[in-house]
Amino acid sequence: MSAAVQNLDPIPGKPVVSVTAPVQSDPLENFPWLPCTLTLEIPIVHFTIADLLSLEKGSIVETAFHHSSDLPLRVNQLLIGWTEFEVVGDRLAVRITEQA
């Protein structure tokens, strides 16, 4: 079988119309300024208002999870993933370990 080759040159005297498909982009890229609330849920046992009022710089609070447990991460109350704590320099950070 041989393939037929078509001449795609425009016909003299006829206008050429070019059609391009619209480029699909991520709709969220149009809203980089959109504010949101990021929440990391840390279960704390036996925590009272008195404990809250007595917090100061350097205070240590006991939590109800193991240091290797993943914590839920939410944006505007929607679960987006799971995280774990990590120390970066002199700061405490969270690393996303799994996306929801």
PDB file of N, CA and C in Angstrom:
ATOM      1  N   MET A   1       0.839  -1.184   0.000  1.00  0.00           N
ATOM      2  CA  MET A   1       0.000   0.000   0.000  1.00  0.00           C
ATOM      3  C   MET A   1       0.871   1.229   0.000  1.00  0.00           C
ATOM      4  N   SER A   2       0.533   2.160  -0.812  1.00  0.00           N
ATOM      5  CA  SER A   2       1.281   3.410  -0.829  1.00  0.00           C
ATOM      6  C   SER A   2       0.378   4.520  -0.305  1.00  0.00           C
ATOM      7  N   ALA A   3       0.979   5.452   0.408  1.00  0.00           N
ATOM      8  CA  ALA A   3       0.220   6.560   0.973  1.00  0.00           C
ATOM      9  C   ALA A   3       0.148   7.684  -0.032  1.00  0.00           C
ATOM     10  N   ALA A   4      -1.016   8.289  -0.149  1.00  0.00           N
ATOM     11  CA  ALA A   4      -1.193   9.411  -1.061  1.00  0.00           C
ATOM     12  C   ALA A   4      -0.778  10.684  -0.356  1.00  0.00           C
ATOM     13  N   VAL A   5      -0.052  11.520  -1.026  1.00  0.00           N
ATOM     14  CA  VAL A   5       0.393  12.788  -0.478  1.00  0.00           C
ATOM     15  C   VAL A   5      -0.491  13.880  -1.041  1.00  0.00           C
ATOM     16  N   GLN A   6      -1.072  14.684  -0.163  1.00  0.00           N
ATOM     17  CA  GLN A   6      -1.937  15.763  -0.599  1.00  0.00           C
ATOM     18  C   GLN A   6      -1.162  17.063  -0.622  1.00  0.00           C
ATOM     19  N   ASN A   7      -1.439  17.870  -1.585  1.00  0.00           N
ATOM     20  CA  ASN A   7      -0.848  19.189  -1.659  1.00  0.00           C
ATOM     21  C   ASN A   7      -1.716  20.118  -0.821  1.00  0.00           C
ATOM     22  N   LEU A   8      -1.158  20.643   0.255  1.00  0.00           N
ATOM     23  CA  LEU A   8      -1.929  21.488   1.171  1.00  0.00           C
ATOM     24  C   LEU A   8      -1.719  22.977   0.914  1.00  0.00           C
ATOM     25  N   ASP A   9      -1.146  23.306  -0.229  1.00  0.00           N
ATOM     26  CA  ASP A   9      -0.964  24.708  -0.564  1.00  0.00           C
ATOM     27  C   ASP A   9      -2.325  25.354  -0.783  1.00  0.00           C
ATOM     28  N   PRO A  10      -2.475  26.620  -0.368  1.00  0.00           N
ATOM     29  CA  PRO A  10      -3.758  27.290  -0.574  1.00  0.00           C
ATOM     30  C   PRO A  10      -4.042  27.469  -2.061  1.00  0.00           C
ATOM     31  N   ILE A  11      -5.285  27.502  -2.374  1.00  0.00           N
ATOM     32  CA  ILE A  11      -5.713  27.720  -3.755  1.00  0.00           C
ATOM     33  C   ILE A  11      -5.524  29.196  -4.068  1.00  0.00           C
ATOM     34  N   PRO A  12      -4.871  29.493  -5.185  1.00  0.00           N
ATOM     35  CA  PRO A  12      -4.646  30.914  -5.520  1.00  0.00           C
ATOM     36  C   PRO A  12      -5.966  31.683  -5.583  1.00  0.00           C
ATOM     37  N   GLY A  13      -5.983  32.835  -4.929  1.00  0.00           N
ATOM     38  CA  GLY A  13      -7.162  33.682  -4.950  1.00  0.00           C
ATOM     39  C   GLY A  13      -8.160  33.371  -3.851  1.00  0.00           C
ATOM     40  N   LYS A  14      -7.964  32.284  -3.092  1.00  0.00           N
ATOM     41  CA  LYS A  14      -8.880  31.922  -2.001  1.00  0.00           C
ATOM     42  C   LYS A  14      -8.241  32.322  -0.668  1.00  0.00           C
ATOM     43  N   PRO A  15      -9.017  32.899   0.265  1.00  0.00           N
ATOM     44  CA  PRO A  15      -8.446  33.256   1.568  1.00  0.00           C
ATOM     45  C   PRO A  15      -8.118  31.998   2.378  1.00  0.00           C
ATOM     46  N   VAL A  16      -7.074  32.092   3.160  1.00  0.00           N
ATOM     47  CA  VAL A  16      -6.663  30.980   4.026  1.00  0.00           C
ATOM     48  C   VAL A  16      -7.169  31.269   5.430  1.00  0.00           C
ATOM     49  N   VAL A  17      -7.885  30.320   5.990  1.00  0.00           N
ATOM     50  CA  VAL A  17      -8.407  30.461   7.348  1.00  0.00           C
ATOM     51  C   VAL A  17      -7.631  29.517   8.247  1.00  0.00           C
ATOM     52  N   SER A  18      -7.091  30.047   9.306  1.00  0.00           N
ATOM     53  CA  SER A  18      -6.325  29.241  10.253  1.00  0.00           C
ATOM     54  C   SER A  18      -7.155  29.055  11.517  1.00  0.00           C
ATOM     55  N   VAL A  19      -7.265  27.823  11.965  1.00  0.00           N
ATOM     56  CA  VAL A  19      -8.024  27.512  13.176  1.00  0.00           C
ATOM     57  C   VAL A  19      -7.063  26.925  14.186  1.00  0.00           C
ATOM     58  N   THR A  20      -7.048  27.498  15.383  1.00  0.00           N
ATOM     59  CA  THR A  20      -6.209  26.959  16.456  1.00  0.00           C
ATOM     60  C   THR A  20      -7.096  26.543  17.604  1.00  0.00           C
ATOM     61  N   ALA A  21      -6.716  25.461  18.250  1.00  0.00           N
ATOM     62  CA  ALA A  21      -7.475  24.967  19.398  1.00  0.00           C
ATOM     63  C   ALA A  21      -7.144  25.835  20.607  1.00  0.00           C
ATOM     64  N   PRO A  22      -8.130  26.121  21.452  1.00  0.00           N
ATOM     65  CA  PRO A  22      -7.854  26.918  22.642  1.00  0.00           C
ATOM     66  C   PRO A  22      -6.918  26.153  23.589  1.00  0.00           C
ATOM     67  N   VAL A  23      -6.011  26.880  24.192  1.00  0.00           N
ATOM     68  CA  VAL A  23      -5.070  26.279  25.137  1.00  0.00           C
ATOM     69  C   VAL A  23      -5.783  26.133  26.467  1.00  0.00           C
ATOM     70  N   GLN A  24      -5.815  24.910  26.962  1.00  0.00           N
ATOM     71  CA  GLN A  24      -6.466  24.677  28.256  1.00  0.00           C
ATOM     72  C   GLN A  24      -5.441  24.863  29.360  1.00  0.00           C
ATOM     73  N   SER A  25      -5.797  25.685  30.319  1.00  0.00           N
ATOM     74  CA  SER A  25      -4.913  25.917  31.454  1.00  0.00           C
ATOM     75  C   SER A  25      -5.655  25.594  32.738  1.00  0.00           C
ATOM     76  N   ASP A  26      -4.896  25.515  33.787  1.00  0.00           N
ATOM     77  CA  ASP A  26      -5.479  25.249  35.096  1.00  0.00           C
ATOM     78  C   ASP A  26      -6.268  26.476  35.534  1.00  0.00           C
ATOM     79  N   PRO A  27      -7.575  26.326  35.819  1.00  0.00           N
ATOM     80  CA  PRO A  27      -8.374  27.510  36.191  1.00  0.00           C
ATOM     81  C   PRO A  27      -7.873  28.184  37.461  1.00  0.00           C
ATOM     82  N   LEU A  28      -7.166  27.450  38.324  1.00  0.00           N
ATOM     83  CA  LEU A  28      -6.658  28.061  39.555  1.00  0.00           C
ATOM     84  C   LEU A  28      -5.514  29.028  39.283  1.00  0.00           C
ATOM     85  N   GLU A  29      -4.862  28.905  38.133  1.00  0.00           N
ATOM     86  CA  GLU A  29      -3.771  29.826  37.799  1.00  0.00           C
ATOM     87  C   GLU A  29      -4.285  31.242  37.579  1.00  0.00           C
ATOM     88  N   ASN A  30      -5.579  31.400  37.353  1.00  0.00           N
ATOM     89  CA  ASN A  30      -6.160  32.730  37.159  1.00  0.00           C
ATOM     90  C   ASN A  30      -6.390  33.453  38.479  1.00  0.00           C
ATOM     91  N   PHE A  31      -6.255  32.747  39.613  1.00  0.00           N
ATOM     92  CA  PHE A  31      -6.554  33.328  40.920  1.00  0.00           C
ATOM     93  C   PHE A  31      -5.400  33.157  41.910  1.00  0.00           C
ATOM     94  N   PRO A  32      -4.183  33.604  41.597  1.00  0.00           N
ATOM     95  CA  PRO A  32      -3.077  33.405  42.534  1.00  0.00           C
ATOM     96  C   PRO A  32      -3.226  34.239  43.806  1.00  0.00           C
ATOM     97  N   TRP A  33      -4.074  35.239  43.797  1.00  0.00           N
ATOM     98  CA  TRP A  33      -4.272  36.140  44.927  1.00  0.00           C
ATOM     99  C   TRP A  33      -5.388  35.676  45.851  1.00  0.00           C
ATOM    100  N   LEU A  34      -6.109  34.634  45.494  1.00  0.00           N
ATOM    101  CA  LEU A  34      -7.280  34.188  46.240  1.00  0.00           C
ATOM    102  C   LEU A  34      -6.876  33.744  47.647  1.00  0.00           C
ATOM    103  N   PRO A  35      -7.349  34.413  48.689  1.00  0.00           N
ATOM    104  CA  PRO A  35      -6.960  34.039  50.056  1.00  0.00           C
ATOM    105  C   PRO A  35      -7.601  32.720  50.480  1.00  0.00           C
ATOM    106  N   CYS A  36      -6.893  31.979  51.330  1.00  0.00           N
ATOM    107  CA  CYS A  36      -7.430  30.729  51.868  1.00  0.00           C
ATOM    108  C   CYS A  36      -6.887  30.540  53.282  1.00  0.00           C
ATOM    109  N   THR A  37      -7.524  29.638  54.016  1.00  0.00           N
ATOM    110  CA  THR A  37      -7.108  29.335  55.376  1.00  0.00           C
ATOM    111  C   THR A  37      -6.523  27.938  55.411  1.00  0.00           C
ATOM    112  N   LEU A  38      -5.266  27.839  55.832  1.00  0.00           N
ATOM    113  CA  LEU A  38      -4.569  26.571  55.934  1.00  0.00           C
ATOM    114  C   LEU A  38      -4.586  26.133  57.392  1.00  0.00           C
ATOM    115  N   THR A  39      -5.043  24.903  57.647  1.00  0.00           N
ATOM    116  CA  THR A  39      -5.196  24.415  59.017  1.00  0.00           C
ATOM    117  C   THR A  39      -4.487  23.083  59.176  1.00  0.00           C
ATOM    118  N   LEU A  40      -3.681  22.968  60.218  1.00  0.00           N
ATOM    119  CA  LEU A  40      -3.035  21.714  60.581  1.00  0.00           C
ATOM    120  C   LEU A  40      -3.648  21.279  61.908  1.00  0.00           C
ATOM    121  N   GLU A  41      -4.275  20.118  61.913  1.00  0.00           N
ATOM    122  CA  GLU A  41      -4.997  19.676  63.098  1.00  0.00           C
ATOM    123  C   GLU A  41      -4.089  18.837  63.989  1.00  0.00           C
ATOM    124  N   ILE A  42      -3.862  19.345  65.215  1.00  0.00           N
ATOM    125  CA  ILE A  42      -3.024  18.655  66.184  1.00  0.00           C
ATOM    126  C   ILE A  42      -3.881  18.341  67.411  1.00  0.00           C
ATOM    127  N   PRO A  43      -4.156  17.060  67.657  1.00  0.00           N
ATOM    128  CA  PRO A  43      -4.958  16.720  68.837  1.00  0.00           C
ATOM    129  C   PRO A  43      -4.149  16.930  70.127  1.00  0.00           C
ATOM    130  N   ILE A  44      -4.735  17.694  71.060  1.00  0.00           N
ATOM    131  CA  ILE A  44      -4.075  17.985  72.335  1.00  0.00           C
ATOM    132  C   ILE A  44      -4.950  17.444  73.459  1.00  0.00           C
ATOM    133  N   VAL A  45      -4.338  16.670  74.364  1.00  0.00           N
ATOM    134  CA  VAL A  45      -5.097  16.049  75.451  1.00  0.00           C
ATOM    135  C   VAL A  45      -5.130  16.945  76.685  1.00  0.00           C
ATOM    136  N   HIS A  46      -6.250  16.921  77.371  1.00  0.00           N
ATOM    137  CA  HIS A  46      -6.420  17.605  78.659  1.00  0.00           C
ATOM    138  C   HIS A  46      -5.958  19.057  78.621  1.00  0.00           C
ATOM    139  N   PHE A  47      -6.339  19.785  77.577  1.00  0.00           N
ATOM    140  CA  PHE A  47      -5.949  21.182  77.426  1.00  0.00           C
ATOM    141  C   PHE A  47      -7.116  22.057  77.850  1.00  0.00           C
ATOM    142  N   THR A  48      -6.876  22.970  78.748  1.00  0.00           N
ATOM    143  CA  THR A  48      -7.948  23.811  79.285  1.00  0.00           C
ATOM    144  C   THR A  48      -7.702  25.282  78.919  1.00  0.00           C
ATOM    145  N   ILE A  49      -8.692  26.103  79.217  1.00  0.00           N
ATOM    146  CA  ILE A  49      -8.554  27.546  79.006  1.00  0.00           C
ATOM    147  C   ILE A  49      -7.413  28.091  79.864  1.00  0.00           C
ATOM    148  N   ALA A  50      -7.278  27.569  81.065  1.00  0.00           N
ATOM    149  CA  ALA A  50      -6.188  28.004  81.952  1.00  0.00           C
ATOM    150  C   ALA A  50      -4.832  27.687  81.312  1.00  0.00           C
ATOM    151  N   ASP A  51      -4.721  26.516  80.668  1.00  0.00           N
ATOM    152  CA  ASP A  51      -3.479  26.164  79.970  1.00  0.00           C
ATOM    153  C   ASP A  51      -3.218  27.144  78.831  1.00  0.00           C
ATOM    154  N   LEU A  52      -4.265  27.498  78.103  1.00  0.00           N
ATOM    155  CA  LEU A  52      -4.135  28.430  76.992  1.00  0.00           C
ATOM    156  C   LEU A  52      -3.654  29.794  77.483  1.00  0.00           C
ATOM    157  N   LEU A  53      -4.242  30.267  78.560  1.00  0.00           N
ATOM    158  CA  LEU A  53      -3.885  31.582  79.098  1.00  0.00           C
ATOM    159  C   LEU A  53      -2.477  31.608  79.675  1.00  0.00           C
ATOM    160  N   SER A  54      -1.962  30.461  80.097  1.00  0.00           N
ATOM    161  CA  SER A  54      -0.627  30.426  80.696  1.00  0.00           C
ATOM    162  C   SER A  54       0.480  30.147  79.675  1.00  0.00           C
ATOM    163  N   LEU A  55       0.125  30.009  78.388  1.00  0.00           N
ATOM    164  CA  LEU A  55       1.152  29.766  77.374  1.00  0.00           C
ATOM    165  C   LEU A  55       2.062  30.973  77.236  1.00  0.00           C
ATOM    166  N   GLU A  56       3.335  30.718  77.082  1.00  0.00           N
ATOM    167  CA  GLU A  56       4.310  31.769  76.824  1.00  0.00           C
ATOM    168  C   GLU A  56       5.417  31.193  75.953  1.00  0.00           C
ATOM    169  N   LYS A  57       6.307  32.033  75.520  1.00  0.00           N
ATOM    170  CA  LYS A  57       7.385  31.592  74.655  1.00  0.00           C
ATOM    171  C   LYS A  57       8.175  30.475  75.330  1.00  0.00           C
ATOM    172  N   GLY A  58       8.357  29.360  74.608  1.00  0.00           N
ATOM    173  CA  GLY A  58       9.097  28.218  75.143  1.00  0.00           C
ATOM    174  C   GLY A  58       8.223  27.180  75.826  1.00  0.00           C
ATOM    175  N   SER A  59       6.916  27.418  75.920  1.00  0.00           N
ATOM    176  CA  SER A  59       6.011  26.448  76.543  1.00  0.00           C
ATOM    177  C   SER A  59       5.966  25.165  75.719  1.00  0.00           C
ATOM    178  N   ILE A  60       5.782  24.057  76.397  1.00  0.00           N
ATOM    179  CA  ILE A  60       5.655  22.754  75.742  1.00  0.00           C
ATOM    180  C   ILE A  60       4.264  22.228  76.031  1.00  0.00           C
ATOM    181  N   VAL A  61       3.587  21.771  74.972  1.00  0.00           N
ATOM    182  CA  VAL A  61       2.226  21.260  75.096  1.00  0.00           C
ATOM    183  C   VAL A  61       2.228  19.795  74.673  1.00  0.00           C
ATOM    184  N   GLU A  62       1.635  18.931  75.517  1.00  0.00           N
ATOM    185  CA  GLU A  62       1.556  17.504  75.204  1.00  0.00           C
ATOM    186  C   GLU A  62       0.465  17.270  74.167  1.00  0.00           C
ATOM    187  N   THR A  63       0.781  16.475  73.159  1.00  0.00           N
ATOM    188  CA  THR A  63      -0.192  16.162  72.116  1.00  0.00           C
ATOM    189  C   THR A  63      -0.597  14.699  72.197  1.00  0.00           C
ATOM    190  N   ALA A  64      -1.684  14.360  71.504  1.00  0.00           N
ATOM    191  CA  ALA A  64      -2.217  13.004  71.551  1.00  0.00           C
ATOM    192  C   ALA A  64      -1.810  12.178  70.338  1.00  0.00           C
ATOM    193  N   PHE A  65      -0.670  12.477  69.748  1.00  0.00           N
ATOM    194  CA  PHE A  65      -0.245  11.680  68.606  1.00  0.00           C
ATOM    195  C   PHE A  65       1.232  11.331  68.747  1.00  0.00           C
ATOM    196  N   HIS A  66       1.627  10.253  68.119  1.00  0.00           N
ATOM    197  CA  HIS A  66       3.015   9.819  68.125  1.00  0.00           C
ATOM    198  C   HIS A  66       3.804  10.719  67.186  1.00  0.00           C
ATOM    199  N   HIS A  67       5.072  10.967  67.480  1.00  0.00           N
ATOM    200  CA  HIS A  67       5.865  11.891  66.667  1.00  0.00           C
ATOM    201  C   HIS A  67       5.987  11.467  65.203  1.00  0.00           C
ATOM    202  N   SER A  68       5.725  10.210  64.904  1.00  0.00           N
ATOM    203  CA  SER A  68       5.802   9.762  63.510  1.00  0.00           C
ATOM    204  C   SER A  68       4.424   9.674  62.847  1.00  0.00           C
ATOM    205  N   SER A  69       3.378  10.066  63.569  1.00  0.00           N
ATOM    206  CA  SER A  69       2.023  10.028  63.004  1.00  0.00           C
ATOM    207  C   SER A  69       1.822  11.166  62.008  1.00  0.00           C
ATOM    208  N   ASP A  70       1.020  10.907  60.984  1.00  0.00           N
ATOM    209  CA  ASP A  70       0.678  11.947  60.020  1.00  0.00           C
ATOM    210  C   ASP A  70      -0.496  12.761  60.540  1.00  0.00           C
ATOM    211  N   LEU A  71      -0.440  14.066  60.294  1.00  0.00           N
ATOM    212  CA  LEU A  71      -1.489  14.981  60.734  1.00  0.00           C
ATOM    213  C   LEU A  71      -2.282  15.464  59.527  1.00  0.00           C
ATOM    214  N   PRO A  72      -3.606  15.628  59.680  1.00  0.00           N
ATOM    215  CA  PRO A  72      -4.417  16.113  58.552  1.00  0.00           C
ATOM    216  C   PRO A  72      -4.158  17.595  58.274  1.00  0.00           C
ATOM    217  N   LEU A  73      -4.068  17.926  56.986  1.00  0.00           N
ATOM    218  CA  LEU A  73      -3.871  19.299  56.527  1.00  0.00           C
ATOM    219  C   LEU A  73      -5.110  19.703  55.740  1.00  0.00           C
ATOM    220  N   ARG A  74      -5.711  20.829  56.111  1.00  0.00           N
ATOM    221  CA  ARG A  74      -6.946  21.287  55.464  1.00  0.00           C
ATOM    222  C   ARG A  74      -6.757  22.695  54.917  1.00  0.00           C
ATOM    223  N   VAL A  75      -7.415  22.957  53.776  1.00  0.00           N
ATOM    224  CA  VAL A  75      -7.505  24.304  53.212  1.00  0.00           C
ATOM    225  C   VAL A  75      -8.984  24.626  53.125  1.00  0.00           C
ATOM    226  N   ASN A  76      -9.379  25.708  53.796  1.00  0.00           N
ATOM    227  CA  ASN A  76     -10.795  26.104  53.873  1.00  0.00           C
ATOM    228  C   ASN A  76     -11.671  24.927  54.291  1.00  0.00           C
ATOM    229  N   GLN A  77     -11.236  24.194  55.292  1.00  0.00           N
ATOM    230  CA  GLN A  77     -11.932  23.055  55.904  1.00  0.00           C
ATOM    231  C   GLN A  77     -12.002  21.824  55.007  1.00  0.00           C
ATOM    232  N   LEU A  78     -11.330  21.835  53.868  1.00  0.00           N
ATOM    233  CA  LEU A  78     -11.318  20.700  52.957  1.00  0.00           C
ATOM    234  C   LEU A  78      -9.997  19.957  53.122  1.00  0.00           C
ATOM    235  N   LEU A  79     -10.063  18.658  53.421  1.00  0.00           N
ATOM    236  CA  LEU A  79      -8.856  17.858  53.604  1.00  0.00           C
ATOM    237  C   LEU A  79      -8.106  17.763  52.282  1.00  0.00           C
ATOM    238  N   ILE A  80      -6.841  18.217  52.278  1.00  0.00           N
ATOM    239  CA  ILE A  80      -6.054  18.151  51.050  1.00  0.00           C
ATOM    240  C   ILE A  80      -4.894  17.170  51.166  1.00  0.00           C
ATOM    241  N   GLY A  81      -4.549  16.756  52.387  1.00  0.00           N
ATOM    242  CA  GLY A  81      -3.431  15.828  52.517  1.00  0.00           C
ATOM    243  C   GLY A  81      -3.070  15.548  53.960  1.00  0.00           C
ATOM    244  N   TRP A  82      -1.974  14.815  54.094  1.00  0.00           N
ATOM    245  CA  TRP A  82      -1.454  14.429  55.407  1.00  0.00           C
ATOM    246  C   TRP A  82      -0.010  14.902  55.490  1.00  0.00           C
ATOM    247  N   THR A  83       0.405  15.318  56.686  1.00  0.00           N
ATOM    248  CA  THR A  83       1.729  15.896  56.861  1.00  0.00           C
ATOM    249  C   THR A  83       2.441  15.264  58.050  1.00  0.00           C
ATOM    250  N   GLU A  84       3.753  15.511  58.118  1.00  0.00           N
ATOM    251  CA  GLU A  84       4.540  15.129  59.283  1.00  0.00           C
ATOM    252  C   GLU A  84       5.435  16.307  59.642  1.00  0.00           C
ATOM    253  N   PHE A  85       5.813  16.390  60.907  1.00  0.00           N
ATOM    254  CA  PHE A  85       6.687  17.473  61.345  1.00  0.00           C
ATOM    255  C   PHE A  85       8.108  17.237  60.869  1.00  0.00           C
ATOM    256  N   GLU A  86       8.798  18.345  60.634  1.00  0.00           N
ATOM    257  CA  GLU A  86      10.197  18.295  60.228  1.00  0.00           C
ATOM    258  C   GLU A  86      10.864  19.568  60.725  1.00  0.00           C
ATOM    259  N   VAL A  87      12.114  19.460  61.142  1.00  0.00           N
ATOM    260  CA  VAL A  87      12.863  20.630  61.576  1.00  0.00           C
ATOM    261  C   VAL A  87      13.709  21.114  60.407  1.00  0.00           C
ATOM    262  N   VAL A  88      13.551  22.401  60.077  1.00  0.00           N
ATOM    263  CA  VAL A  88      14.313  23.017  58.990  1.00  0.00           C
ATOM    264  C   VAL A  88      15.077  24.183  59.596  1.00  0.00           C
ATOM    265  N   GLY A  89      16.365  24.009  59.749  1.00  0.00           N
ATOM    266  CA  GLY A  89      17.165  25.036  60.412  1.00  0.00           C
ATOM    267  C   GLY A  89      16.730  25.156  61.856  1.00  0.00           C
ATOM    268  N   ASP A  90      16.274  26.343  62.253  1.00  0.00           N
ATOM    269  CA  ASP A  90      15.782  26.543  63.618  1.00  0.00           C
ATOM    270  C   ASP A  90      14.260  26.678  63.646  1.00  0.00           C
ATOM    271  N   ARG A  91      13.599  26.194  62.606  1.00  0.00           N
ATOM    272  CA  ARG A  91      12.136  26.293  62.517  1.00  0.00           C
ATOM    273  C   ARG A  91      11.500  24.920  62.451  1.00  0.00           C
ATOM    274  N   LEU A  92      10.276  24.840  62.933  1.00  0.00           N
ATOM    275  CA  LEU A  92       9.473  23.622  62.838  1.00  0.00           C
ATOM    276  C   LEU A  92       8.579  23.747  61.601  1.00  0.00           C
ATOM    277  N   ALA A  93       8.642  22.765  60.725  1.00  0.00           N
ATOM    278  CA  ALA A  93       7.868  22.792  59.488  1.00  0.00           C
ATOM    279  C   ALA A  93       7.087  21.493  59.349  1.00  0.00           C
ATOM    280  N   VAL A  94       6.213  21.450  58.359  1.00  0.00           N
ATOM    281  CA  VAL A  94       5.506  20.205  58.043  1.00  0.00           C
ATOM    282  C   VAL A  94       5.786  19.842  56.595  1.00  0.00           C
ATOM    283  N   ARG A  95       5.941  18.551  56.347  1.00  0.00           N
ATOM    284  CA  ARG A  95       6.155  18.030  55.001  1.00  0.00           C
ATOM    285  C   ARG A  95       4.901  17.276  54.601  1.00  0.00           C
ATOM    286  N   ILE A  96       4.387  17.558  53.412  1.00  0.00           N
ATOM    287  CA  ILE A  96       3.212  16.835  52.915  1.00  0.00           C
ATOM    288  C   ILE A  96       3.661  15.446  52.513  1.00  0.00           C
ATOM    289  N   THR A  97       3.068  14.428  53.151  1.00  0.00           N
ATOM    290  CA  THR A  97       3.454  13.030  52.883  1.00  0.00           C
ATOM    291  C   THR A  97       2.492  12.319  51.958  1.00  0.00           C
ATOM    292  N   GLU A  98       1.246  12.795  51.946  1.00  0.00           N
ATOM    293  CA  GLU A  98       0.237  12.144  51.107  1.00  0.00           C
ATOM    294  C   GLU A  98      -0.840  13.163  50.750  1.00  0.00           C
ATOM    295  N   GLN A  99      -1.270  13.155  49.510  1.00  0.00           N
ATOM    296  CA  GLN A  99      -2.357  14.031  49.103  1.00  0.00           C
ATOM    297  C   GLN A  99      -3.672  13.277  49.176  1.00  0.00           C
ATOM    298  N   ALA A 100      -4.711  13.989  49.601  1.00  0.00           N
ATOM    299  CA  ALA A 100      -6.026  13.358  49.739  1.00  0.00           C
ATOM    300  C   ALA A 100      -6.719  13.239  48.403  1.00  0.00           C
TER     301      ALA A 100
END
